[in-house]
Protein backbone atom coordinates (compact mmCIF):
# COMPACT_ATOMS: atom_id res chain seq x y z
CA MET A 1 86.19 82.40 106.21
CA PRO A 2 86.86 85.42 105.01
CA PRO A 3 84.42 88.52 106.16
CA ALA A 4 81.41 89.20 103.72
CA ALA A 5 82.32 91.64 100.98
CA SER A 6 80.08 94.67 99.83
CA ARG A 7 80.34 97.69 97.54
CA CYS A 8 80.10 101.78 98.55
CA ALA A 9 76.80 102.43 96.32
CA ASN A 10 79.04 104.99 94.63
CA THR A 11 82.67 103.48 93.83
CA SER A 12 84.06 100.71 92.65
CA ILE A 13 85.98 100.06 95.72
CA LEU A 14 85.86 96.94 97.75
CA THR A 15 85.29 97.37 101.01
CA ILE A 16 85.08 94.24 103.77
CA ALA A 17 81.71 93.89 105.75
CA CYS A 18 83.28 93.11 109.26
CA GLU A 19 83.51 95.49 112.83
CA THR A 20 85.92 98.12 111.93
CA ASP A 21 83.34 99.83 108.76
CA ILE A 22 81.35 102.28 110.87
CA ALA A 23 84.23 103.22 112.59
CA LEU A 24 86.62 103.59 109.81
CA ALA A 25 83.89 105.63 107.94
CA SER A 26 85.95 108.79 107.58
CA THR A 27 89.22 107.33 106.19
CA HIS A 28 86.92 105.56 103.61
CA LYS A 29 84.68 108.90 102.74
CA PRO A 30 88.00 110.44 100.78
CA TRP A 31 88.96 107.18 99.13
CA CYS A 32 84.89 107.32 97.92
CA ASN A 33 85.26 110.30 96.63
CA ASN A 34 88.13 109.84 94.50
CA ASN A 35 86.86 107.14 93.23
CA ALA A 36 83.12 108.44 92.21
CA ASP A 37 85.70 110.61 90.03
CA HIS A 38 87.02 107.75 88.34
CA LEU A 39 83.53 106.89 87.28
CA THR A 40 82.40 110.42 85.83
CA GLU A 41 85.78 110.08 84.43
CA LEU A 42 85.30 106.75 82.61
CA GLN A 43 81.61 107.97 81.86
CA GLN A 44 83.32 111.23 80.25
CA ALA A 45 85.51 108.57 78.17
CA ASP A 46 82.24 107.11 76.46
CA GLU A 47 80.67 110.04 75.89
CA ARG A 48 83.33 110.78 73.38
CA GLY A 49 84.02 108.02 71.69
CA GLN A 50 86.83 106.80 73.02
CA THR A 51 87.75 103.50 72.19
CA ARG A 52 91.64 102.73 72.37
CA GLY A 53 92.45 99.44 74.52
CA LEU A 54 88.72 98.59 74.75
CA PRO A 55 87.44 95.22 74.06
CA PRO A 56 85.20 95.51 70.95
CA GLY A 57 81.67 96.36 72.00
CA ILE A 58 81.94 97.02 75.43
CA THR A 59 81.99 100.74 76.93
CA HIS A 60 84.45 101.73 79.55
CA VAL A 61 81.13 101.59 82.47
CA GLU A 62 80.35 98.25 81.14
CA LEU A 63 84.20 96.85 81.79
CA ASP A 64 84.11 98.75 85.58
CA GLN A 65 80.95 97.27 85.89
CA LYS A 66 82.24 93.50 84.71
CA LEU A 67 85.64 94.07 87.06
CA GLU A 68 83.30 95.28 89.97
CA LYS A 69 80.95 91.79 89.69
CA TRP A 70 84.22 89.78 89.04
CA VAL A 71 85.90 91.03 92.21
CA LYS A 72 82.74 90.15 94.38
CA TYR A 73 82.55 86.64 93.17
CA HIS A 74 86.56 86.18 93.18
CA ASN A 75 86.86 87.94 97.01
CA ALA A 76 87.98 85.03 98.88
CA LEU A 77 90.26 83.84 96.41
CA LEU A 78 91.81 87.38 95.93
CA MET A 79 92.30 87.34 99.90
CA ALA A 80 93.88 83.66 100.13
CA ALA A 81 96.29 84.85 97.26
CA THR A 82 97.30 87.81 99.36
CA ILE A 83 97.94 86.53 102.11
CA HIS A 84 100.11 83.46 101.07
CA ALA A 85 101.68 85.82 98.41
CA LEU A 86 102.54 88.22 101.35
CA ALA A 87 103.81 85.45 103.47
CA LEU A 88 101.21 86.68 106.48
CA PRO A 89 101.42 83.46 108.02
CA ARG A 90 105.02 84.02 108.87
CA ASP A 91 104.91 87.70 109.24
CA ILE A 92 101.66 89.45 109.32
CA ARG A 93 103.44 92.81 109.44
CA ARG A 94 104.40 92.33 105.90
CA SER A 95 101.02 94.21 105.01
CA GLN A 96 102.33 96.98 106.15
CA THR A 97 104.82 97.10 103.46
CA TYR A 98 103.67 95.07 100.53
CA MET A 99 100.84 93.77 98.40
CA LEU A 100 100.02 91.78 95.97
CA ARG A 101 99.87 93.57 92.35
CA VAL A 102 97.84 91.34 89.48
CA LYS A 103 97.38 92.07 85.99
CA LEU A 104 94.10 91.35 84.48
CA ALA A 105 92.94 91.11 81.01
CA TYR A 106 89.23 90.52 79.54
CA ARG A 107 87.60 87.71 78.15
CA PRO A 108 85.80 87.51 75.48
CA ASP A 109 84.79 84.18 76.20
CA HIS A 110 82.85 84.47 78.99
CA GLY A 111 79.70 83.49 77.84
CA GLY A 112 77.97 85.63 80.23
CA VAL A 113 79.25 84.06 83.59
CA SER A 114 80.75 86.93 85.88
CA SER A 115 83.09 84.53 87.11
CA LYS A 116 84.97 84.26 83.66
CA TYR A 117 84.59 88.20 83.37
CA PHE A 118 88.65 88.41 83.41
CA ARG A 119 91.26 85.64 83.14
CA VAL A 120 94.63 86.56 85.19
CA LEU A 121 97.73 87.42 83.23
CA ASP A 122 100.58 87.75 86.16
CA ALA A 123 100.77 88.31 89.67
CA SER A 124 103.87 89.15 91.75
CA VAL A 125 104.46 90.83 95.01
CA ILE A 126 105.49 94.49 95.22
CA ASP A 127 106.74 96.46 98.06
CA PHE A 128 105.07 99.90 98.22
CA GLU A 129 107.87 102.46 97.67
CA THR A 130 108.62 100.53 94.17
CA ALA A 131 104.99 100.94 93.71
CA LYS A 132 104.75 104.60 94.04
CA THR A 133 106.96 105.00 91.47
CA PHE A 134 104.04 104.29 89.26
CA GLY A 135 102.12 107.35 89.80
CA LYS A 136 99.92 109.58 91.27
CA ILE A 137 96.77 106.99 91.62
CA TRP A 138 99.29 104.71 93.54
CA VAL A 139 100.45 106.89 95.82
CA ALA A 140 97.06 108.42 96.52
CA SER A 141 95.81 104.40 97.33
CA ILE A 142 98.76 103.57 99.71
CA ASP A 143 98.25 106.31 101.68
CA GLN A 144 94.78 105.70 101.94
CA ILE A 145 95.17 102.20 102.41
CA THR A 146 98.02 102.74 105.45
CA LYS A 147 95.51 104.65 107.00
CA LEU A 148 93.09 102.42 106.88
CA ARG A 149 95.21 99.50 108.20
CA THR A 150 96.41 102.13 111.05
CA ASP A 151 93.43 103.34 112.36
CA SER A 152 92.13 99.38 112.45
CA GLU A 153 95.42 98.46 114.21
CA THR A 154 94.86 101.45 116.73
CA MET A 155 91.69 100.27 117.54
CA ARG A 156 92.59 96.60 118.28
CA ARG A 157 90.55 95.05 115.27
CA GLY A 158 93.14 93.33 113.38
CA THR A 159 95.35 94.67 110.61
CA VAL A 160 94.93 95.20 106.44
CA ALA A 161 96.07 93.54 103.56
CA ALA A 162 95.52 94.92 99.69
CA VAL A 163 95.61 93.31 96.01
CA ALA A 164 96.31 96.06 93.19
CA LEU A 165 94.50 95.19 90.16
CA GLU A 166 95.38 96.53 86.84
CA CYS A 167 93.28 96.19 83.79
CA ALA A 168 93.87 98.10 80.92
CA PRO A 169 91.97 100.52 79.97
CA LEU A 170 91.15 100.95 83.38
CA ALA A 171 92.98 102.41 86.18
CA MET A 172 94.22 100.98 88.45
CA GLN A 173 92.34 99.67 91.91
CA ILE A 174 92.72 98.52 95.19
CA VAL A 175 90.87 95.95 96.81
CA PRO A 176 91.63 96.17 100.84
CA PHE A 177 90.45 92.94 103.17
CA GLY A 178 90.39 93.82 106.91
CA SER A 179 89.90 92.36 110.01
CA LEU A 180 93.16 90.33 109.52
CA ARG A 181 94.62 88.97 112.85
CA ASP A 182 97.13 85.87 114.01
CA LEU A 183 97.00 83.57 110.51
CA SER A 184 100.00 81.59 112.22
CA PRO A 185 98.43 78.68 111.92
CA LEU A 186 98.05 78.87 108.07
CA VAL A 187 100.61 76.77 106.19
CA ILE A 188 102.05 79.09 103.67
CA GLN A 189 100.93 77.94 100.20
CA GLN A 190 104.14 77.93 97.92
CA GLN A 191 102.25 77.45 94.79
CA TRP A 192 99.69 80.76 95.33
CA LYS A 193 100.06 81.82 91.64
CA GLU A 194 99.55 79.22 90.03
CA ILE A 195 96.32 78.02 92.29
CA LEU A 196 95.27 81.77 91.67
CA ILE A 197 95.76 81.78 87.55
CA ARG A 198 93.90 78.30 87.43
CA ASP A 199 90.75 78.97 89.45
CA VAL A 200 90.05 81.83 87.96
CA GLU A 201 90.20 80.51 84.50
CA ALA A 202 87.87 77.80 85.84
CA GLY A 203 85.26 80.66 87.08
CA LYS A 204 86.03 78.48 90.67
CA LYS A 205 85.00 80.13 93.98
CA LEU A 206 87.37 79.22 96.65
CA SER A 207 86.71 76.80 98.59
CA ARG A 208 90.14 75.14 99.43
CA PHE A 209 93.43 76.98 98.73
CA GLU A 210 95.63 73.98 97.24
CA MET A 211 96.62 72.62 94.54
C-alpha cells in the first residue's frame, strides 16, 4: 500500500505522510512558499475577472480546489502509474532523471463526484533535462524534487518519484511520492497508460493496478 497523503495547509502541494516528513520540512518550505504565491496569483486572476481557458461558471481558485480533491482521491493510482511508467521495478534510480507527465482536462459531467472532476488526455514519461526547457516553474519544481530525493536517500529513507500534472489554465503541479525502496518484486505493467486513463474515467479508486 502507498503511504497516506496529506496537504500543506497553505498550498496545493501534496505531501506524503511518512517518516521523512519532519526531517524534510526544510525542503518543503520553499516549495510551500512558491505554491502560496501561486494561490495568490489565482485569487488575483479571479479578482480581475479573467476567464480565458476556464470552464464556464468556475473560477481559478475553484478549479484548483477541485484538482486538489481529485489528486487526493487518485493518489494511489497516480503513484502506481508513476512506478510502472518509469519502470522503477527494473531500476529505481530512474526516478532521479525521469518523471511522469500527465495532461488533464476538466469534466463538466462530473456530477459533483470528486473522482470524476478531471479526465486524463495523455500521459508520457519525460526526462528532467527536456522538462526544464518548458519554463521556470519546471526548472524550480525539478530542483526542489531533486533536493527532496537527495535528502531522503542520504538519510536512507528511500527515494522519491514524481508526476507532473498539467491542467490549463492552472500552472503545472508536481505530486511527489516518497519512501520508495526496493520495487524489484513488482512485474512492470506495460499498459500503465491505458489503466490510468480507464480508472480515472470511471472514477475508480485503485485496488489492483492491472487491465
